[in-house]
Amino acid sequence: MDRMIERIDKLAERLDQAERRTSELEDEQTMMASRQIKMDKLLRALHAKAEDLEARSWRNNVRIVGVTESTNIDNMERFVEQLLTDVLGRETFSTMFEVE
């Protein structure tokens, strides 16, 4: 009978350990899920910020297609400035633009 009680006590102890480990794993899983939600939110915010910065970097750029770079033009920057003001009109620009 004592041996049977001892075995039951050992089984109860093992069951307690298993329940404790299960509880710890559930707590850790809950914490990791919370961290994942925060990381996903941060990733979306950083992605939106990167897209915004990229869009802003292109905002003031103008691509001119169809104008050939010929050796007859001494100063291409001056030529492009004149071309833009002739085609678009000086009143189009709130401030003077810069050709780089």
PDB file of N, CA and C in Angstrom:
ATOM      1  N   MET A   1       0.809  -1.189   0.000  1.00  0.00           N
ATOM      2  CA  MET A   1       0.000   0.000   0.000  1.00  0.00           C
ATOM      3  C   MET A   1       0.859   1.262   0.000  1.00  0.00           C
ATOM      4  N   ASP A   2       1.942   1.259   0.810  1.00  0.00           N
ATOM      5  CA  ASP A   2       2.844   2.411   0.847  1.00  0.00           C
ATOM      6  C   ASP A   2       3.485   2.646  -0.527  1.00  0.00           C
ATOM      7  N   ARG A   3       3.792   1.528  -1.176  1.00  0.00           N
ATOM      8  CA  ARG A   3       4.401   1.645  -2.500  1.00  0.00           C
ATOM      9  C   ARG A   3       3.414   2.273  -3.484  1.00  0.00           C
ATOM     10  N   MET A   4       2.178   1.930  -3.405  1.00  0.00           N
ATOM     11  CA  MET A   4       1.155   2.491  -4.269  1.00  0.00           C
ATOM     12  C   MET A   4       0.985   3.987  -3.998  1.00  0.00           C
ATOM     13  N   ILE A   5       0.995   4.407  -2.758  1.00  0.00           N
ATOM     14  CA  ILE A   5       0.878   5.821  -2.389  1.00  0.00           C
ATOM     15  C   ILE A   5       2.095   6.587  -2.902  1.00  0.00           C
ATOM     16  N   GLU A   6       3.261   5.970  -2.788  1.00  0.00           N
ATOM     17  CA  GLU A   6       4.495   6.604  -3.274  1.00  0.00           C
ATOM     18  C   GLU A   6       4.434   6.806  -4.786  1.00  0.00           C
ATOM     19  N   ARG A   7       3.948   5.834  -5.508  1.00  0.00           N
ATOM     20  CA  ARG A   7       3.823   5.956  -6.970  1.00  0.00           C
ATOM     21  C   ARG A   7       2.801   7.032  -7.341  1.00  0.00           C
ATOM     22  N   ILE A   8       1.716   7.094  -6.614  1.00  0.00           N
ATOM     23  CA  ILE A   8       0.702   8.125  -6.871  1.00  0.00           C
ATOM     24  C   ILE A   8       1.288   9.505  -6.591  1.00  0.00           C
ATOM     25  N   ASP A   9       2.064   9.640  -5.513  1.00  0.00           N
ATOM     26  CA  ASP A   9       2.702  10.927  -5.194  1.00  0.00           C
ATOM     27  C   ASP A   9       3.665  11.340  -6.307  1.00  0.00           C
ATOM     28  N   LYS A  10       4.448  10.372  -6.822  1.00  0.00           N
ATOM     29  CA  LYS A  10       5.385  10.674  -7.917  1.00  0.00           C
ATOM     30  C   LYS A  10       4.631  11.088  -9.179  1.00  0.00           C
ATOM     31  N   LEU A  11       3.562  10.390  -9.476  1.00  0.00           N
ATOM     32  CA  LEU A  11       2.755  10.756 -10.645  1.00  0.00           C
ATOM     33  C   LEU A  11       2.132  12.138 -10.474  1.00  0.00           C
ATOM     34  N   ALA A  12       1.676  12.445  -9.285  1.00  0.00           N
ATOM     35  CA  ALA A  12       1.102  13.765  -9.012  1.00  0.00           C
ATOM     36  C   ALA A  12       2.165  14.846  -9.180  1.00  0.00           C
ATOM     37  N   GLU A  13       3.382  14.557  -8.720  1.00  0.00           N
ATOM     38  CA  GLU A  13       4.484  15.514  -8.865  1.00  0.00           C
ATOM     39  C   GLU A  13       4.826  15.723 -10.341  1.00  0.00           C
ATOM     40  N   ARG A  14       4.883  14.631 -11.104  1.00  0.00           N
ATOM     41  CA  ARG A  14       5.166  14.754 -12.538  1.00  0.00           C
ATOM     42  C   ARG A  14       4.060  15.528 -13.246  1.00  0.00           C
ATOM     43  N   LEU A  15       2.823  15.290 -12.856  1.00  0.00           N
ATOM     44  CA  LEU A  15       1.697  16.012 -13.443  1.00  0.00           C
ATOM     45  C   LEU A  15       1.789  17.504 -13.125  1.00  0.00           C
ATOM     46  N   ASP A  16       2.148  17.838 -11.883  1.00  0.00           N
ATOM     47  CA  ASP A  16       2.328  19.246 -11.503  1.00  0.00           C
ATOM     48  C   ASP A  16       3.422  19.899 -12.346  1.00  0.00           C
ATOM     49  N   GLN A  17       4.542  19.187 -12.545  1.00  0.00           N
ATOM     50  CA  GLN A  17       5.638  19.721 -13.365  1.00  0.00           C
ATOM     51  C   GLN A  17       5.173  19.944 -14.806  1.00  0.00           C
ATOM     52  N   ALA A  18       4.457  18.999 -15.353  1.00  0.00           N
ATOM     53  CA  ALA A  18       3.957  19.128 -16.727  1.00  0.00           C
ATOM     54  C   ALA A  18       2.994  20.306 -16.842  1.00  0.00           C
ATOM     55  N   GLU A  19       2.116  20.465 -15.865  1.00  0.00           N
ATOM     56  CA  GLU A  19       1.179  21.591 -15.883  1.00  0.00           C
ATOM     57  C   GLU A  19       1.915  22.917 -15.766  1.00  0.00           C
ATOM     58  N   ARG A  20       2.963  22.953 -14.934  1.00  0.00           N
ATOM     59  CA  ARG A  20       3.761  24.170 -14.773  1.00  0.00           C
ATOM     60  C   ARG A  20       4.458  24.531 -16.090  1.00  0.00           C
ATOM     61  N   ARG A  21       5.067  23.521 -16.732  1.00  0.00           N
ATOM     62  CA  ARG A  21       5.737  23.776 -18.013  1.00  0.00           C
ATOM     63  C   ARG A  21       4.739  24.225 -19.070  1.00  0.00           C
ATOM     64  N   THR A  22       3.582  23.599 -19.104  1.00  0.00           N
ATOM     65  CA  THR A  22       2.544  23.995 -20.059  1.00  0.00           C
ATOM     66  C   THR A  22       2.118  25.438 -19.819  1.00  0.00           C
ATOM     67  N   SER A  23       1.938  25.803 -18.571  1.00  0.00           N
ATOM     68  CA  SER A  23       1.548  27.170 -18.227  1.00  0.00           C
ATOM     69  C   SER A  23       2.632  28.163 -18.638  1.00  0.00           C
ATOM     70  N   GLU A  24       3.896  27.820 -18.381  1.00  0.00           N
ATOM     71  CA  GLU A  24       5.003  28.698 -18.768  1.00  0.00           C
ATOM     72  C   GLU A  24       5.059  28.868 -20.283  1.00  0.00           C
ATOM     73  N   LEU A  25       4.869  27.771 -21.019  1.00  0.00           N
ATOM     74  CA  LEU A  25       4.878  27.854 -22.484  1.00  0.00           C
ATOM     75  C   LEU A  25       3.708  28.679 -23.010  1.00  0.00           C
ATOM     76  N   GLU A  26       2.550  28.544 -22.393  1.00  0.00           N
ATOM     77  CA  GLU A  26       1.399  29.354 -22.805  1.00  0.00           C
ATOM     78  C   GLU A  26       1.659  30.832 -22.546  1.00  0.00           C
ATOM     79  N   ASP A  27       2.260  31.154 -21.397  1.00  0.00           N
ATOM     80  CA  ASP A  27       2.597  32.547 -21.085  1.00  0.00           C
ATOM     81  C   ASP A  27       3.600  33.095 -22.098  1.00  0.00           C
ATOM     82  N   GLU A  28       4.602  32.292 -22.424  1.00  0.00           N
ATOM     83  CA  GLU A  28       5.621  32.724 -23.385  1.00  0.00           C
ATOM     84  C   GLU A  28       5.009  32.916 -24.769  1.00  0.00           C
ATOM     85  N   GLN A  29       4.112  32.025 -25.151  1.00  0.00           N
ATOM     86  CA  GLN A  29       3.452  32.145 -26.452  1.00  0.00           C
ATOM     87  C   GLN A  29       2.611  33.415 -26.515  1.00  0.00           C
ATOM     88  N   THR A  30       1.916  33.745 -25.439  1.00  0.00           N
ATOM     89  CA  THR A  30       1.122  34.971 -25.379  1.00  0.00           C
ATOM     90  C   THR A  30       2.020  36.195 -25.504  1.00  0.00           C
ATOM     91  N   MET A  31       3.161  36.174 -24.806  1.00  0.00           N
ATOM     92  CA  MET A  31       4.102  37.286 -24.874  1.00  0.00           C
ATOM     93  C   MET A  31       4.670  37.426 -26.292  1.00  0.00           C
ATOM     94  N   MET A  32       5.004  36.301 -26.918  1.00  0.00           N
ATOM     95  CA  MET A  32       5.559  36.352 -28.269  1.00  0.00           C
ATOM     96  C   MET A  32       4.524  36.840 -29.277  1.00  0.00           C
ATOM     97  N   ALA A  33       3.272  36.456 -29.104  1.00  0.00           N
ATOM     98  CA  ALA A  33       2.212  36.934 -29.995  1.00  0.00           C
ATOM     99  C   ALA A  33       2.051  38.440 -29.860  1.00  0.00           C
ATOM    100  N   SER A  34       2.140  38.941 -28.637  1.00  0.00           N
ATOM    101  CA  SER A  34       2.045  40.382 -28.402  1.00  0.00           C
ATOM    102  C   SER A  34       3.215  41.112 -29.062  1.00  0.00           C
ATOM    103  N   ARG A  35       4.419  40.557 -28.909  1.00  0.00           N
ATOM    104  CA  ARG A  35       5.596  41.161 -29.547  1.00  0.00           C
ATOM    105  C   ARG A  35       5.459  41.150 -31.063  1.00  0.00           C
ATOM    106  N   GLN A  36       4.916  40.068 -31.615  1.00  0.00           N
ATOM    107  CA  GLN A  36       4.735  39.964 -33.063  1.00  0.00           C
ATOM    108  C   GLN A  36       3.782  41.038 -33.568  1.00  0.00           C
ATOM    109  N   ILE A  37       2.709  41.278 -32.832  1.00  0.00           N
ATOM    110  CA  ILE A  37       1.755  42.319 -33.219  1.00  0.00           C
ATOM    111  C   ILE A  37       2.444  43.682 -33.225  1.00  0.00           C
ATOM    112  N   LYS A  38       3.245  43.960 -32.195  1.00  0.00           N
ATOM    113  CA  LYS A  38       3.961  45.234 -32.125  1.00  0.00           C
ATOM    114  C   LYS A  38       4.966  45.356 -33.264  1.00  0.00           C
ATOM    115  N   MET A  39       5.671  44.270 -33.564  1.00  0.00           N
ATOM    116  CA  MET A  39       6.660  44.303 -34.637  1.00  0.00           C
ATOM    117  C   MET A  39       5.996  44.486 -36.001  1.00  0.00           C
ATOM    118  N   ASP A  40       4.842  43.850 -36.213  1.00  0.00           N
ATOM    119  CA  ASP A  40       4.107  44.036 -37.460  1.00  0.00           C
ATOM    120  C   ASP A  40       3.664  45.484 -37.619  1.00  0.00           C
ATOM    121  N   LYS A  41       3.199  46.075 -36.533  1.00  0.00           N
ATOM    122  CA  LYS A  41       2.765  47.477 -36.564  1.00  0.00           C
ATOM    123  C   LYS A  41       3.950  48.389 -36.882  1.00  0.00           C
ATOM    124  N   LEU A  42       5.096  48.130 -36.250  1.00  0.00           N
ATOM    125  CA  LEU A  42       6.297  48.919 -36.517  1.00  0.00           C
ATOM    126  C   LEU A  42       6.751  48.743 -37.959  1.00  0.00           C
ATOM    127  N   LEU A  43       6.712  47.519 -38.468  1.00  0.00           N
ATOM    128  CA  LEU A  43       7.111  47.260 -39.848  1.00  0.00           C
ATOM    129  C   LEU A  43       6.228  48.024 -40.826  1.00  0.00           C
ATOM    130  N   ARG A  44       4.914  48.023 -40.588  1.00  0.00           N
ATOM    131  CA  ARG A  44       4.010  48.777 -41.468  1.00  0.00           C
ATOM    132  C   ARG A  44       4.317  50.271 -41.419  1.00  0.00           C
ATOM    133  N   ALA A  45       4.594  50.792 -40.219  1.00  0.00           N
ATOM    134  CA  ALA A  45       4.906  52.218 -40.082  1.00  0.00           C
ATOM    135  C   ALA A  45       6.212  52.553 -40.796  1.00  0.00           C
ATOM    136  N   LEU A  46       7.227  51.708 -40.645  1.00  0.00           N
ATOM    137  CA  LEU A  46       8.507  51.958 -41.311  1.00  0.00           C
ATOM    138  C   LEU A  46       8.381  51.832 -42.828  1.00  0.00           C
ATOM    139  N   HIS A  47       7.570  50.895 -43.290  1.00  0.00           N
ATOM    140  CA  HIS A  47       7.351  50.744 -44.729  1.00  0.00           C
ATOM    141  C   HIS A  47       6.662  51.984 -45.293  1.00  0.00           C
ATOM    142  N   ALA A  48       5.659  52.474 -44.589  1.00  0.00           N
ATOM    143  CA  ALA A  48       4.959  53.688 -45.033  1.00  0.00           C
ATOM    144  C   ALA A  48       5.908  54.879 -45.042  1.00  0.00           C
ATOM    145  N   LYS A  49       6.770  54.966 -44.031  1.00  0.00           N
ATOM    146  CA  LYS A  49       7.725  56.074 -43.971  1.00  0.00           C
ATOM    147  C   LYS A  49       8.726  55.987 -45.116  1.00  0.00           C
ATOM    148  N   ALA A  50       9.199  54.783 -45.419  1.00  0.00           N
ATOM    149  CA  ALA A  50      10.142  54.611 -46.526  1.00  0.00           C
ATOM    150  C   ALA A  50       9.495  54.997 -47.851  1.00  0.00           C
ATOM    151  N   GLU A  51       8.249  54.599 -48.059  1.00  0.00           N
ATOM    152  CA  GLU A  51       7.539  54.978 -49.283  1.00  0.00           C
ATOM    153  C   GLU A  51       7.367  56.488 -49.367  1.00  0.00           C
ATOM    154  N   ASP A  52       7.028  57.119 -48.249  1.00  0.00           N
ATOM    155  CA  ASP A  52       6.861  58.568 -48.223  1.00  0.00           C
ATOM    156  C   ASP A  52       8.173  59.271 -48.554  1.00  0.00           C
ATOM    157  N   LEU A  53       9.262  58.811 -47.946  1.00  0.00           N
ATOM    158  CA  LEU A  53      10.562  59.434 -48.215  1.00  0.00           C
ATOM    159  C   LEU A  53      10.975  59.250 -49.668  1.00  0.00           C
ATOM    160  N   GLU A  54      10.703  58.076 -50.225  1.00  0.00           N
ATOM    161  CA  GLU A  54      11.040  57.850 -51.628  1.00  0.00           C
ATOM    162  C   GLU A  54      10.213  58.757 -52.532  1.00  0.00           C
ATOM    163  N   ALA A  55       8.933  58.886 -52.223  1.00  0.00           N
ATOM    164  CA  ALA A  55       8.070  59.757 -53.021  1.00  0.00           C
ATOM    165  C   ALA A  55       8.533  61.208 -52.927  1.00  0.00           C
ATOM    166  N   ARG A  56       8.933  61.629 -51.734  1.00  0.00           N
ATOM    167  CA  ARG A  56       9.412  63.004 -51.569  1.00  0.00           C
ATOM    168  C   ARG A  56      10.720  63.239 -52.320  1.00  0.00           C
ATOM    169  N   SER A  57      11.560  62.217 -52.401  1.00  0.00           N
ATOM    170  CA  SER A  57      12.837  62.395 -53.095  1.00  0.00           C
ATOM    171  C   SER A  57      12.630  62.593 -54.593  1.00  0.00           C
ATOM    172  N   TRP A  58      11.520  62.074 -55.134  1.00  0.00           N
ATOM    173  CA  TRP A  58      11.237  62.229 -56.559  1.00  0.00           C
ATOM    174  C   TRP A  58      10.382  63.454 -56.857  1.00  0.00           C
ATOM    175  N   ARG A  59       9.866  64.102 -55.831  1.00  0.00           N
ATOM    176  CA  ARG A  59       8.905  65.180 -56.029  1.00  0.00           C
ATOM    177  C   ARG A  59       9.436  66.311 -56.910  1.00  0.00           C
ATOM    178  N   ASN A  60      10.650  66.730 -56.687  1.00  0.00           N
ATOM    179  CA  ASN A  60      11.181  67.887 -57.405  1.00  0.00           C
ATOM    180  C   ASN A  60      12.030  67.512 -58.614  1.00  0.00           C
ATOM    181  N   ASN A  61      12.039  66.252 -58.968  1.00  0.00           N
ATOM    182  CA  ASN A  61      12.826  65.830 -60.118  1.00  0.00           C
ATOM    183  C   ASN A  61      11.987  65.907 -61.385  1.00  0.00           C
ATOM    184  N   VAL A  62      12.621  66.316 -62.467  1.00  0.00           N
ATOM    185  CA  VAL A  62      11.966  66.384 -63.765  1.00  0.00           C
ATOM    186  C   VAL A  62      12.811  65.585 -64.743  1.00  0.00           C
ATOM    187  N   ARG A  63      12.178  64.716 -65.490  1.00  0.00           N
ATOM    188  CA  ARG A  63      12.888  63.944 -66.504  1.00  0.00           C
ATOM    189  C   ARG A  63      12.515  64.528 -67.861  1.00  0.00           C
ATOM    190  N   ILE A  64      13.514  64.869 -68.643  1.00  0.00           N
ATOM    191  CA  ILE A  64      13.292  65.443 -69.967  1.00  0.00           C
ATOM    192  C   ILE A  64      13.669  64.381 -70.988  1.00  0.00           C
ATOM    193  N   VAL A  65      12.706  64.027 -71.820  1.00  0.00           N
ATOM    194  CA  VAL A  65      12.918  62.995 -72.827  1.00  0.00           C
ATOM    195  C   VAL A  65      12.806  63.638 -74.196  1.00  0.00           C
ATOM    196  N   GLY A  66      13.683  63.245 -75.093  1.00  0.00           N
ATOM    197  CA  GLY A  66      13.602  63.726 -76.465  1.00  0.00           C
ATOM    198  C   GLY A  66      14.550  64.866 -76.786  1.00  0.00           C
ATOM    199  N   VAL A  67      15.295  65.339 -75.827  1.00  0.00           N
ATOM    200  CA  VAL A  67      16.284  66.388 -76.078  1.00  0.00           C
ATOM    201  C   VAL A  67      17.637  65.702 -76.158  1.00  0.00           C
ATOM    202  N   THR A  68      18.264  65.818 -77.301  1.00  0.00           N
ATOM    203  CA  THR A  68      19.561  65.157 -77.471  1.00  0.00           C
ATOM    204  C   THR A  68      20.669  66.052 -76.951  1.00  0.00           C
ATOM    205  N   GLU A  69      21.663  65.418 -76.390  1.00  0.00           N
ATOM    206  CA  GLU A  69      22.844  66.161 -75.956  1.00  0.00           C
ATOM    207  C   GLU A  69      23.762  66.283 -77.165  1.00  0.00           C
ATOM    208  N   SER A  70      23.817  67.460 -77.716  1.00  0.00           N
ATOM    209  CA  SER A  70      24.664  67.635 -78.897  1.00  0.00           C
ATOM    210  C   SER A  70      25.891  68.453 -78.524  1.00  0.00           C
ATOM    211  N   THR A  71      26.875  68.358 -79.336  1.00  0.00           N
ATOM    212  CA  THR A  71      28.105  69.107 -79.085  1.00  0.00           C
ATOM    213  C   THR A  71      27.938  70.574 -79.442  1.00  0.00           C
ATOM    214  N   ASN A  72      26.861  70.940 -80.119  1.00  0.00           N
ATOM    215  CA  ASN A  72      26.625  72.338 -80.489  1.00  0.00           C
ATOM    216  C   ASN A  72      26.218  73.185 -79.289  1.00  0.00           C
ATOM    217  N   ILE A  73      25.734  72.556 -78.247  1.00  0.00           N
ATOM    218  CA  ILE A  73      25.284  73.303 -77.077  1.00  0.00           C
ATOM    219  C   ILE A  73      26.447  73.413 -76.105  1.00  0.00           C
ATOM    220  N   ASP A  74      26.863  74.658 -75.841  1.00  0.00           N
ATOM    221  CA  ASP A  74      28.008  74.876 -74.960  1.00  0.00           C
ATOM    222  C   ASP A  74      27.658  74.598 -73.499  1.00  0.00           C
ATOM    223  N   ASN A  75      26.485  75.057 -73.076  1.00  0.00           N
ATOM    224  CA  ASN A  75      26.113  74.926 -71.675  1.00  0.00           C
ATOM    225  C   ASN A  75      24.752  74.225 -71.587  1.00  0.00           C
ATOM    226  N   MET A  76      24.770  72.924 -71.328  1.00  0.00           N
ATOM    227  CA  MET A  76      23.529  72.140 -71.299  1.00  0.00           C
ATOM    228  C   MET A  76      22.601  72.608 -70.178  1.00  0.00           C
ATOM    229  N   GLU A  77      23.145  72.981 -69.038  1.00  0.00           N
ATOM    230  CA  GLU A  77      22.311  73.444 -67.929  1.00  0.00           C
ATOM    231  C   GLU A  77      21.527  74.683 -68.339  1.00  0.00           C
ATOM    232  N   ARG A  78      22.207  75.613 -68.952  1.00  0.00           N
ATOM    233  CA  ARG A  78      21.543  76.846 -69.396  1.00  0.00           C
ATOM    234  C   ARG A  78      20.486  76.534 -70.459  1.00  0.00           C
ATOM    235  N   PHE A  79      20.809  75.603 -71.353  1.00  0.00           N
ATOM    236  CA  PHE A  79      19.863  75.204 -72.389  1.00  0.00           C
ATOM    237  C   PHE A  79      18.583  74.624 -71.771  1.00  0.00           C
ATOM    238  N   VAL A  80      18.735  73.748 -70.776  1.00  0.00           N
ATOM    239  CA  VAL A  80      17.574  73.126 -70.133  1.00  0.00           C
ATOM    240  C   VAL A  80      16.758  74.179 -69.384  1.00  0.00           C
ATOM    241  N   GLU A  81      17.413  75.094 -68.689  1.00  0.00           N
ATOM    242  CA  GLU A  81      16.692  76.179 -68.009  1.00  0.00           C
ATOM    243  C   GLU A  81      15.854  76.971 -69.005  1.00  0.00           C
ATOM    244  N   GLN A  82      16.455  77.313 -70.124  1.00  0.00           N
ATOM    245  CA  GLN A  82      15.744  78.091 -71.144  1.00  0.00           C
ATOM    246  C   GLN A  82      14.601  77.277 -71.751  1.00  0.00           C
ATOM    247  N   LEU A  83      14.845  76.000 -71.992  1.00  0.00           N
ATOM    248  CA  LEU A  83      13.816  75.132 -72.560  1.00  0.00           C
ATOM    249  C   LEU A  83      12.603  75.039 -71.631  1.00  0.00           C
ATOM    250  N   LEU A  84      12.850  74.842 -70.348  1.00  0.00           N
ATOM    251  CA  LEU A  84      11.738  74.725 -69.398  1.00  0.00           C
ATOM    252  C   LEU A  84      10.943  76.022 -69.284  1.00  0.00           C
ATOM    253  N   THR A  85      11.622  77.140 -69.237  1.00  0.00           N
ATOM    254  CA  THR A  85      10.883  78.409 -69.137  1.00  0.00           C
ATOM    255  C   THR A  85      10.146  78.714 -70.438  1.00  0.00           C
ATOM    256  N   ASP A  86      10.715  78.337 -71.585  1.00  0.00           N
ATOM    257  CA  ASP A  86      10.024  78.565 -72.861  1.00  0.00           C
ATOM    258  C   ASP A  86       8.782  77.678 -72.989  1.00  0.00           C
ATOM    259  N   VAL A  87       8.917  76.422 -72.629  1.00  0.00           N
ATOM    260  CA  VAL A  87       7.821  75.473 -72.812  1.00  0.00           C
ATOM    261  C   VAL A  87       6.745  75.652 -71.741  1.00  0.00           C
ATOM    262  N   LEU A  88       7.153  75.792 -70.492  1.00  0.00           N
ATOM    263  CA  LEU A  88       6.184  75.840 -69.395  1.00  0.00           C
ATOM    264  C   LEU A  88       5.806  77.254 -68.977  1.00  0.00           C
ATOM    265  N   GLY A  89       6.642  78.222 -69.301  1.00  0.00           N
ATOM    266  CA  GLY A  89       6.393  79.597 -68.900  1.00  0.00           C
ATOM    267  C   GLY A  89       6.978  79.900 -67.539  1.00  0.00           C
ATOM    268  N   ARG A  90       7.547  81.083 -67.397  1.00  0.00           N
ATOM    269  CA  ARG A  90       8.190  81.464 -66.142  1.00  0.00           C
ATOM    270  C   ARG A  90       7.188  81.526 -64.989  1.00  0.00           C
ATOM    271  N   GLU A  91       5.931  81.879 -65.280  1.00  0.00           N
ATOM    272  CA  GLU A  91       4.934  81.998 -64.218  1.00  0.00           C
ATOM    273  C   GLU A  91       4.580  80.637 -63.602  1.00  0.00           C
ATOM    274  N   THR A  92       4.962  79.561 -64.241  1.00  0.00           N
ATOM    275  CA  THR A  92       4.709  78.220 -63.707  1.00  0.00           C
ATOM    276  C   THR A  92       5.506  77.961 -62.442  1.00  0.00           C
ATOM    277  N   PHE A  93       6.663  78.578 -62.334  1.00  0.00           N
ATOM    278  CA  PHE A  93       7.573  78.306 -61.225  1.00  0.00           C
ATOM    279  C   PHE A  93       7.431  79.383 -60.159  1.00  0.00           C
ATOM    280  N   SER A  94       7.140  78.960 -58.924  1.00  0.00           N
ATOM    281  CA  SER A  94       7.014  79.923 -57.833  1.00  0.00           C
ATOM    282  C   SER A  94       8.383  80.483 -57.460  1.00  0.00           C
ATOM    283  N   THR A  95       9.401  79.685 -57.593  1.00  0.00           N
ATOM    284  CA  THR A  95      10.778  80.132 -57.378  1.00  0.00           C
ATOM    285  C   THR A  95      11.608  79.638 -58.546  1.00  0.00           C
ATOM    286  N   MET A  96      12.775  80.197 -58.682  1.00  0.00           N
ATOM    287  CA  MET A  96      13.651  79.772 -59.767  1.00  0.00           C
ATOM    288  C   MET A  96      14.122  78.353 -59.489  1.00  0.00           C
ATOM    289  N   PHE A  97      14.141  77.544 -60.504  1.00  0.00           N
ATOM    290  CA  PHE A  97      14.569  76.160 -60.347  1.00  0.00           C
ATOM    291  C   PHE A  97      16.070  76.054 -60.572  1.00  0.00           C
ATOM    292  N   GLU A  98      16.597  74.914 -60.179  1.00  0.00           N
ATOM    293  CA  GLU A  98      18.032  74.682 -60.306  1.00  0.00           C
ATOM    294  C   GLU A  98      18.247  73.439 -61.153  1.00  0.00           C
ATOM    295  N   VAL A  99      19.120  73.542 -62.126  1.00  0.00           N
ATOM    296  CA  VAL A  99      19.472  72.400 -62.962  1.00  0.00           C
ATOM    297  C   VAL A  99      20.806  71.882 -62.474  1.00  0.00           C
ATOM    298  N   GLU A 100      20.841  70.593 -62.168  1.00  0.00           N
ATOM    299  CA  GLU A 100      22.087  69.988 -61.682  1.00  0.00           C
ATOM    300  C   GLU A 100      22.680  69.089 -62.730  1.00  0.00           C
TER     301      GLU A 100
END
